[in-house]
C-alpha atoms as a PDB file:
ATOM      1  CA  UNK A   1    -219.389 112.862-129.436  1.00  0.00           C
ATOM      2  CA  UNK A   2    -220.737 109.392-128.754  1.00  0.00           C
ATOM      3  CA  UNK A   3    -219.901 106.395-130.862  1.00  0.00           C
ATOM      4  CA  UNK A   4    -222.703 104.299-132.204  1.00  0.00           C
ATOM      5  CA  UNK A   5    -222.890 100.849-130.581  1.00  0.00           C
ATOM      6  CA  UNK A   6    -221.426  98.044-132.682  1.00  0.00           C
ATOM      7  CA  UNK A   7    -223.998  95.638-133.948  1.00  0.00           C
ATOM      8  CA  UNK A   8    -223.864  92.200-132.379  1.00  0.00           C
ATOM      9  CA  UNK A   9    -223.568  90.254-135.681  1.00  0.00           C
ATOM     10  CA  UNK A  10    -220.489  92.279-136.674  1.00  0.00           C
ATOM     11  CA  UNK A  11    -218.774  91.622-133.358  1.00  0.00           C
ATOM     12  CA  UNK A  12    -219.568  87.886-133.588  1.00  0.00           C
ATOM     13  CA  UNK A  13    -218.146  87.739-137.102  1.00  0.00           C
ATOM     14  CA  UNK A  14    -215.016  89.605-135.997  1.00  0.00           C
ATOM     15  CA  UNK A  15    -214.508  87.189-133.100  1.00  0.00           C
ATOM     16  CA  UNK A  16    -215.016  84.177-135.386  1.00  0.00           C
ATOM     17  CA  UNK A  17    -212.473  85.565-137.865  1.00  0.00           C
ATOM     18  CA  UNK A  18    -209.914  86.158-135.113  1.00  0.00           C
ATOM     19  CA  UNK A  19    -210.391  82.631-133.744  1.00  0.00           C
ATOM     20  CA  UNK A  20    -210.071  81.020-137.166  1.00  0.00           C
ATOM     21  CA  UNK A  21    -206.867  82.924-137.932  1.00  0.00           C
ATOM     22  CA  UNK A  22    -205.269  81.938-134.639  1.00  0.00           C
ATOM     23  CA  UNK A  23    -206.370  78.315-135.073  1.00  0.00           C
ATOM     24  CA  UNK A  24    -204.617  78.126-138.451  1.00  0.00           C
ATOM     25  CA  UNK A  25    -201.460  79.691-137.082  1.00  0.00           C
ATOM     26  CA  UNK A  26    -201.024  77.252-134.190  1.00  0.00           C
ATOM     27  CA  UNK A  27    -200.795  73.974-136.135  1.00  0.00           C
ATOM     28  CA  UNK A  28    -197.684  71.992-135.192  1.00  0.00           C
ATOM     29  CA  UNK A  29    -195.132  71.373-137.945  1.00  0.00           C
ATOM     30  CA  UNK A  30    -195.454  67.996-139.633  1.00  0.00           C
ATOM     31  CA  UNK A  31    -192.675  65.449-139.265  1.00  0.00           C
ATOM     32  CA  UNK A  32    -190.803  64.548-142.477  1.00  0.00           C
ATOM     33  CA  UNK A  33    -191.760  61.177-143.922  1.00  0.00           C
ATOM     34  CA  UNK A  34    -189.041  58.559-143.658  1.00  0.00           C
ATOM     35  CA  UNK A  35    -187.653  57.394-147.003  1.00  0.00           C
ATOM     36  CA  UNK A  36    -188.456  53.792-147.948  1.00  0.00           C
ATOM     37  CA  UNK A  37    -185.665  51.276-147.510  1.00  0.00           C
ATOM     38  CA  UNK A  38    -183.921  49.946-150.606  1.00  0.00           C
ATOM     39  CA  UNK A  39    -184.422  46.255-151.369  1.00  0.00           C
ATOM     40  CA  UNK A  40    -181.451  43.971-150.814  1.00  0.00           C
ATOM     41  CA  UNK A  41    -179.139  43.493-153.820  1.00  0.00           C
ATOM     42  CA  UNK A  42    -179.578  40.295-155.826  1.00  0.00           C
ATOM     43  CA  UNK A  43    -177.601  37.330-154.608  1.00  0.00           C
ATOM     44  CA  UNK A  44    -174.397  36.403-156.361  1.00  0.00           C
ATOM     45  CA  UNK A  45    -175.844  32.984-157.168  1.00  0.00           C
ATOM     46  CA  UNK A  46    -178.626  34.495-159.325  1.00  0.00           C
ATOM     47  CA  UNK A  47    -177.876  33.510-162.927  1.00  0.00           C
ATOM     48  CA  UNK A  48    -177.440  36.282-165.469  1.00  0.00           C
ATOM     49  CA  UNK A  49    -179.800  35.852-168.446  1.00  0.00           C
ATOM     50  CA  UNK A  50    -178.173  34.808-171.705  1.00  0.00           C
ATOM     51  CA  UNK A  51    -180.175  37.406-173.697  1.00  0.00           C
ATOM     52  CA  UNK A  52    -180.714  41.006-172.726  1.00  0.00           C
ATOM     53  CA  UNK A  53    -184.225  42.261-172.112  1.00  0.00           C
ATOM     54  CA  UNK A  54    -184.170  44.223-175.383  1.00  0.00           C
ATOM     55  CA  UNK A  55    -183.111  41.181-177.418  1.00  0.00           C
ATOM     56  CA  UNK A  56    -185.762  38.927-175.883  1.00  0.00           C
ATOM     57  CA  UNK A  57    -188.437  41.610-176.364  1.00  0.00           C
ATOM     58  CA  UNK A  58    -187.422  42.024-180.023  1.00  0.00           C
ATOM     59  CA  UNK A  59    -187.728  38.259-180.557  1.00  0.00           C
ATOM     60  CA  UNK A  60    -191.210  38.168-178.987  1.00  0.00           C
ATOM     61  CA  UNK A  61    -192.365  41.130-181.100  1.00  0.00           C
ATOM     62  CA  UNK A  62    -190.980  39.531-184.256  1.00  0.00           C
ATOM     63  CA  UNK A  63    -192.818  36.246-183.618  1.00  0.00           C
ATOM     64  CA  UNK A  64    -196.018  38.172-182.805  1.00  0.00           C
ATOM     65  CA  UNK A  65    -195.726  40.159-186.035  1.00  0.00           C
ATOM     66  CA  UNK A  66    -195.097  36.954-188.033  1.00  0.00           C
ATOM     67  CA  UNK A  67    -198.193  35.274-186.590  1.00  0.00           C
ATOM     68  CA  UNK A  68    -200.290  38.406-187.164  1.00  0.00           C
ATOM     69  CA  UNK A  69    -199.296  38.856-190.803  1.00  0.00           C
ATOM     70  CA  UNK A  70    -199.760  35.126-191.481  1.00  0.00           C
ATOM     71  CA  UNK A  71    -203.528  35.410-190.970  1.00  0.00           C
ATOM     72  CA  UNK A  72    -205.811  35.418-194.043  1.00  0.00           C
ATOM     73  CA  UNK A  73    -207.034  38.962-193.461  1.00  0.00           C
ATOM     74  CA  UNK A  74    -203.528  40.376-193.282  1.00  0.00           C
ATOM     75  CA  UNK A  75    -201.985  38.373-196.127  1.00  0.00           C
ATOM     76  CA  UNK A  76    -204.645  39.130-198.782  1.00  0.00           C
ATOM     77  CA  UNK A  77    -205.418  42.774-199.526  1.00  0.00           C
ATOM     78  CA  UNK A  78    -209.122  43.456-199.675  1.00  0.00           C
ATOM     79  CA  UNK A  79    -210.947  46.252-201.404  1.00  0.00           C
ATOM     80  CA  UNK A  80    -213.594  46.057-198.655  1.00  0.00           C
ATOM     81  CA  UNK A  81    -211.896  45.951-195.242  1.00  0.00           C
ATOM     82  CA  UNK A  82    -213.732  43.931-192.630  1.00  0.00           C
ATOM     83  CA  UNK A  83    -215.317  41.457-195.088  1.00  0.00           C
END
């Protein structure tokens, strides 16, 4: 019994598939990325702030809130906002 000849497009597609699979499999492994270096520690002559960041931020927010509520629109309630 004779086998039917394989169509040319099928054999081309099979060859292309085999080449693409082998091309994906032969990629070299990537080198790990080096970790960034840490910055140098602060010098011992750097002065330490007298207030902590949280305390200075709270003072700035308090002054901002005071200035905001001191405006005419915020100090007088209005029945028609925006007027």
